[in-house]
C-alpha atoms as a PDB file:
ATOM      1  CA  MET A   1      96.357 118.030  70.956  1.00  0.00           C
ATOM      2  CA  CYS A   2      95.012 116.452  74.690  1.00  0.00           C
ATOM      3  CA  CYS A   3      96.836 118.356  77.829  1.00  0.00           C
ATOM      4  CA  GLY A   4      99.320 115.877  78.930  1.00  0.00           C
ATOM      5  CA  TYR A   5      99.714 113.149  75.931  1.00  0.00           C
ATOM      6  CA  PRO A   6     101.402 113.813  73.200  1.00  0.00           C
ATOM      7  CA  ASN A   7     100.664 113.325  69.338  1.00  0.00           C
ATOM      8  CA  TYR A   8     103.643 110.993  68.353  1.00  0.00           C
ATOM      9  CA  LEU A   9     106.726 109.295  69.883  1.00  0.00           C
ATOM     10  CA  ASP A  10     109.128 111.540  70.785  1.00  0.00           C
ATOM     11  CA  GLU A  11     107.681 114.556  70.258  1.00  0.00           C
ATOM     12  CA  ASP A  12     109.436 117.316  71.894  1.00  0.00           C
ATOM     13  CA  GLY A  13     107.125 120.020  74.164  1.00  0.00           C
ATOM     14  CA  TYR A  14     103.636 118.730  74.280  1.00  0.00           C
ATOM     15  CA  LYS A  15     101.757 119.982  76.910  1.00  0.00           C
ATOM     16  CA  LYS A  16     101.389 118.279  80.280  1.00  0.00           C
ATOM     17  CA  ALA A  17      99.012 118.616  83.142  1.00  0.00           C
ATOM     18  CA  ASN A  18      99.638 121.496  85.969  1.00  0.00           C
ATOM     19  CA  PRO A  19     101.851 119.832  88.629  1.00  0.00           C
ATOM     20  CA  GLU A  20     100.215 121.499  91.407  1.00  0.00           C
ATOM     21  CA  THR A  21      96.797 119.734  90.430  1.00  0.00           C
ATOM     22  CA  TYR A  22      97.207 116.824  92.166  1.00  0.00           C
ATOM     23  CA  PHE A  23      97.613 118.441  95.798  1.00  0.00           C
ATOM     24  CA  ARG A  24      94.511 120.259  95.017  1.00  0.00           C
ATOM     25  CA  LEU A  25      92.977 116.783  94.625  1.00  0.00           C
ATOM     26  CA  VAL A  26      94.716 114.951  97.340  1.00  0.00           C
ATOM     27  CA  GLU A  27      92.362 115.080  99.894  1.00  0.00           C
ATOM     28  CA  GLN A  28      89.413 114.345  97.943  1.00  0.00           C
ATOM     29  CA  LEU A  29      91.061 111.858  96.288  1.00  0.00           C
ATOM     30  CA  ASP A  30      92.076 109.670  99.617  1.00  0.00           C
ATOM     31  CA  ASN A  31      88.790 109.715 101.313  1.00  0.00           C
ATOM     32  CA  SER A  32      86.236 108.743  98.356  1.00  0.00           C
ATOM     33  CA  MET A  33      85.945 105.544  97.679  1.00  0.00           C
ATOM     34  CA  ILE A  34      88.962 105.599  95.202  1.00  0.00           C
ATOM     35  CA  GLN A  35      91.126 102.933  96.254  1.00  0.00           C
ATOM     36  CA  GLN A  36      94.057 103.452  93.543  1.00  0.00           C
ATOM     37  CA  VAL A  37      94.850 106.480  91.639  1.00  0.00           C
ATOM     38  CA  SER A  38      97.338 106.467  88.833  1.00  0.00           C
ATOM     39  CA  ILE A  39      99.920 109.286  88.610  1.00  0.00           C
ATOM     40  CA  GLU A  40     102.500 109.645  85.452  1.00  0.00           C
ATOM     41  CA  ASP A  41     105.311 110.210  86.716  1.00  0.00           C
ATOM     42  CA  ALA A  42     107.907 109.447  84.032  1.00  0.00           C
ATOM     43  CA  HIS A  43     107.688 112.059  81.547  1.00  0.00           C
ATOM     44  CA  ARG A  44     107.949 114.790  83.991  1.00  0.00           C
ATOM     45  CA  HIS A  45     108.602 113.854  87.745  1.00  0.00           C
ATOM     46  CA  ASN A  46     106.132 115.258  90.464  1.00  0.00           C
ATOM     47  CA  ASP A  47     107.027 116.417  93.782  1.00  0.00           C
ATOM     48  CA  LEU A  48     106.539 113.045  95.907  1.00  0.00           C
ATOM     49  CA  THR A  49     105.847 114.581  99.135  1.00  0.00           C
ATOM     50  CA  LEU A  50     102.550 114.331  97.532  1.00  0.00           C
ATOM     51  CA  PHE A  51     102.459 110.965  98.525  1.00  0.00           C
ATOM     52  CA  ASP A  52     102.669 111.623 101.742  1.00  0.00           C
ATOM     53  CA  HIS A  53      99.370 112.896 102.032  1.00  0.00           C
ATOM     54  CA  PHE A  54      97.734 109.665 100.223  1.00  0.00           C
ATOM     55  CA  THR A  55      96.979 107.513 103.676  1.00  0.00           C
ATOM     56  CA  LYS A  56      94.356 104.911 102.283  1.00  0.00           C
ATOM     57  CA  THR A  57      94.831 105.396  98.996  1.00  0.00           C
ATOM     58  CA  SER A  58      97.228 102.854  96.453  1.00  0.00           C
ATOM     59  CA  ILE A  59      99.483 104.599  94.217  1.00  0.00           C
ATOM     60  CA  ILE A  60     100.345 103.300  90.289  1.00  0.00           C
ATOM     61  CA  LEU A  61     103.239 105.266  89.792  1.00  0.00           C
ATOM     62  CA  GLY A  62     104.167 105.883  86.169  1.00  0.00           C
ATOM     63  CA  SER A  63     107.514 104.139  85.972  1.00  0.00           C
ATOM     64  CA  PHE A  64     108.693 104.691  82.375  1.00  0.00           C
ATOM     65  CA  ALA A  65     107.809 107.415  79.392  1.00  0.00           C
ATOM     66  CA  ILE A  66     104.979 106.581  76.854  1.00  0.00           C
ATOM     67  CA  ALA A  67     106.293 109.041  74.803  1.00  0.00           C
ATOM     68  CA  ASP A  68     110.100 108.488  74.996  1.00  0.00           C
ATOM     69  CA  GLY A  69     111.745 106.511  72.082  1.00  0.00           C
ATOM     70  CA  ARG A  70     114.986 105.828  74.979  1.00  0.00           C
ATOM     71  CA  VAL A  71     114.790 103.058  76.934  1.00  0.00           C
ATOM     72  CA  GLU A  72     115.098 103.482  80.700  1.00  0.00           C
ATOM     73  CA  SER A  73     117.502 102.224  82.517  1.00  0.00           C
ATOM     74  CA  VAL A  74     117.212  99.482  85.086  1.00  0.00           C
ATOM     75  CA  GLU A  75     118.753 101.849  87.928  1.00  0.00           C
ATOM     76  CA  GLU A  76     116.682 104.947  86.708  1.00  0.00           C
ATOM     77  CA  ILE A  77     113.304 103.107  87.400  1.00  0.00           C
ATOM     78  CA  ARG A  78     115.194 101.911  90.787  1.00  0.00           C
ATOM     79  CA  LYS A  79     116.065 105.156  91.908  1.00  0.00           C
ATOM     80  CA  ARG A  80     112.381 106.377  91.323  1.00  0.00           C
ATOM     81  CA  LEU A  81     110.725 104.189  92.806  1.00  0.00           C
ATOM     82  CA  GLN A  82     112.616 103.735  95.677  1.00  0.00           C
ATOM     83  CA  ALA A  83     112.440 107.447  96.122  1.00  0.00           C
ATOM     84  CA  ALA A  84     108.842 107.680  96.066  1.00  0.00           C
ATOM     85  CA  LEU A  85     109.020 104.319  98.774  1.00  0.00           C
ATOM     86  CA  GLU A  86     110.153 107.143 101.141  1.00  0.00           C
ATOM     87  CA  HIS A  87     106.930 108.462 101.135  1.00  0.00           C
ATOM     88  CA  ILE A  88     104.264 105.772 100.817  1.00  0.00           C
ATOM     89  CA  ASP A  89     104.213 101.768 101.932  1.00  0.00           C
ATOM     90  CA  ILE A  90     105.552  99.580  99.369  1.00  0.00           C
ATOM     91  CA  GLU A  91     101.880  97.710  99.757  1.00  0.00           C
ATOM     92  CA  ARG A  92     100.446 100.749  98.455  1.00  0.00           C
ATOM     93  CA  LEU A  93     102.716 101.386  95.655  1.00  0.00           C
ATOM     94  CA  ILE A  94     102.107  99.963  92.196  1.00  0.00           C
ATOM     95  CA  ALA A  95     104.862 100.162  89.263  1.00  0.00           C
ATOM     96  CA  ALA A  96     103.605 101.140  85.990  1.00  0.00           C
ATOM     97  CA  PRO A  97     104.335 102.602  82.718  1.00  0.00           C
ATOM     98  CA  ASP A  98     102.854 106.308  81.980  1.00  0.00           C
ATOM     99  CA  CYS A  99      99.260 105.859  80.353  1.00  0.00           C
ATOM    100  CA  GLY A 100      99.370 104.242  77.176  1.00  0.00           C
ATOM    101  CA  LEU A 101     101.748 101.915  75.442  1.00  0.00           C
ATOM    102  CA  GLY A 102     100.916 102.443  71.908  1.00  0.00           C
ATOM    103  CA  PHE A 103     103.514 104.797  70.491  1.00  0.00           C
ATOM    104  CA  LEU A 104     105.978 102.552  71.590  1.00  0.00           C
ATOM    105  CA  GLY A 105     105.719 100.112  69.547  1.00  0.00           C
ATOM    106  CA  ARG A 106     105.359  95.868  70.525  1.00  0.00           C
ATOM    107  CA  ASN A 107     109.439  95.372  71.191  1.00  0.00           C
ATOM    108  CA  LEU A 108     110.012  98.583  72.767  1.00  0.00           C
ATOM    109  CA  ALA A 109     107.020  98.423  75.079  1.00  0.00           C
ATOM    110  CA  MET A 110     108.728  94.743  75.969  1.00  0.00           C
ATOM    111  CA  ARG A 111     112.068  96.432  76.507  1.00  0.00           C
ATOM    112  CA  LYS A 112     110.822  98.839  79.150  1.00  0.00           C
ATOM    113  CA  LEU A 113     108.186  96.388  80.732  1.00  0.00           C
ATOM    114  CA  LYS A 114     110.931  94.175  81.161  1.00  0.00           C
ATOM    115  CA  TYR A 115     113.195  96.172  83.122  1.00  0.00           C
ATOM    116  CA  MET A 116     110.045  98.086  85.417  1.00  0.00           C
ATOM    117  CA  CYS A 117     109.161  94.389  86.278  1.00  0.00           C
ATOM    118  CA  GLN A 118     112.786  93.357  87.131  1.00  0.00           C
ATOM    119  CA  VAL A 119     112.965  96.026  89.304  1.00  0.00           C
ATOM    120  CA  ALA A 120     109.434  95.982  91.124  1.00  0.00           C
ATOM    121  CA  LYS A 121     110.342  92.422  91.756  1.00  0.00           C
ATOM    122  CA  THR A 122     114.023  93.441  93.820  1.00  0.00           C
ATOM    123  CA  LEU A 123     112.146  96.354  95.844  1.00  0.00           C
END
């Protein structure tokens, strides 16, 4: 098992990266040539004050879980993205799924993507 990625859809208790890891890397990432950083947030919410430390880098924010068969509601996605916008400019926030869609299957992935896009268009 890889740290931070499940073995199958709806797996309970799979390993996840230490949430403090991003805080240890933020300064180096923001001062590097990297323009965008993808941060998974749906499988376990991060401390959004992390985004206060990114002054140049855009954040690709995982807005729905790729290892959960439950479809997040539009309101759930909207609430989390709006919370992120309290810490980063809208021009530097990119809504995305957590990494990978392979476990979801086409129909489930499309439903989740539809809701995420619906929210992103209204922010």
